[in-house]
Amino acid sequence: MTTMLASDLPLPRIGRGKVRDIYAVGDDRVLLLTTDRISAFDVVMAETIPMKGAVLTQISAWWFELLEGVVHHHMISADADTIVGEVPALRTHRASLAGRAMLCKRTTVFPIECVVRGYLSGSAWKEYAQQGTLAGEKLPSGLVESAKLEPAIFSPATKAETGHDENITIGRMREVLGDEVAYELESMSRAVYTLGEKVAREQGIIIADTKFEFGRDRDGRIILIDEVMTPDSSRFWAADAYQPGQPQPSFDKQPLRDYLDAERRAGRWNGDAPPPPLPASVVNATSQRYLEAYRRVTGADLRIA
């Protein structure tokens, strides 16, 4: 499978994120094309990570199929042949679509990231360690890093186009969206996380935290959109290596972060763009990490036809 830094399809491109290119398919559908771009510390690398785009797309597709009957979602198909059948303009671009494209319903997106935290880690641990709070709200005392949170905490955030998302209170979320929508987004987020956490744990993966996005479709329904419980939107830990009281190794871009951290400590990188070139060993290790995440979560090796 050829790696992809950027896509060029004969459709109107309506967005380009750090990883995804978004195309309009008429007025009511979109095509999400997940490239092999990778970012760390808010900087996009020059190199691509083989199979990364396919892993993110196909893990999401696997979850969306599993979530049928739990929540409504936006996926129509992540199969290249089905997509070409639905969008004839793409018939000569099947190779670009294979594994990495998802045809979806178009929605009006809510401007809130819906984060569910089952464990105390990352920015949540940093705030708690300093102030005993999460997004300004008090948490129980005596918690350690990576501690299991019971029940899991719903922790919304504002969506940032660049830089880090900012944690906000549920009260602030209600002000932005209204009480009814805020309640529904929290309920849907908790339902998806509860199912995902249980399924992943049976496969030896802890989903420590994850973020969801939602939109309203043309029928007025609130539906789950974007990616779902992938290594980019979630913190995956190996259940058999979990030890509270310390950071946990994760199934994502950890080899890349470790390399960049070392470059910073050595004074060879200041943390801004452009990033240092990535050695082939780091690229390969990161690719294998993503593929292992797919294997662990779904119970099968990733095959792209």
Foldseek 3Di string as FASTA:
>chain_A
DDAFPDDDAPFQFDDDAQFWTWGDDPDWKIKTFGGQWDDDLQAIAPDGFPCLLLLQVVVQVVLQVVCVVVFAAWFPDLALVVVCVVPVSCPVVSVSSWSRMTMTTDFAWDQKKWKKAQFQEDPNVVCCVVPCDGQPHHDDPDFAHRHGDVVIDTWMWGDDRTDDTGTHDLVVVCVRPNDVVSVVVNVSVVSSCVVQQVLLVVLQKGFRMFIWIWGAHPVRDIHTYDGDPAQVGTWIAGNVPDDTRDDGDTLALVLVVVVQVVCVVVVNDVSDPPGDHDDPVSSNVRNVSSQVRSCSNPVDGDDID
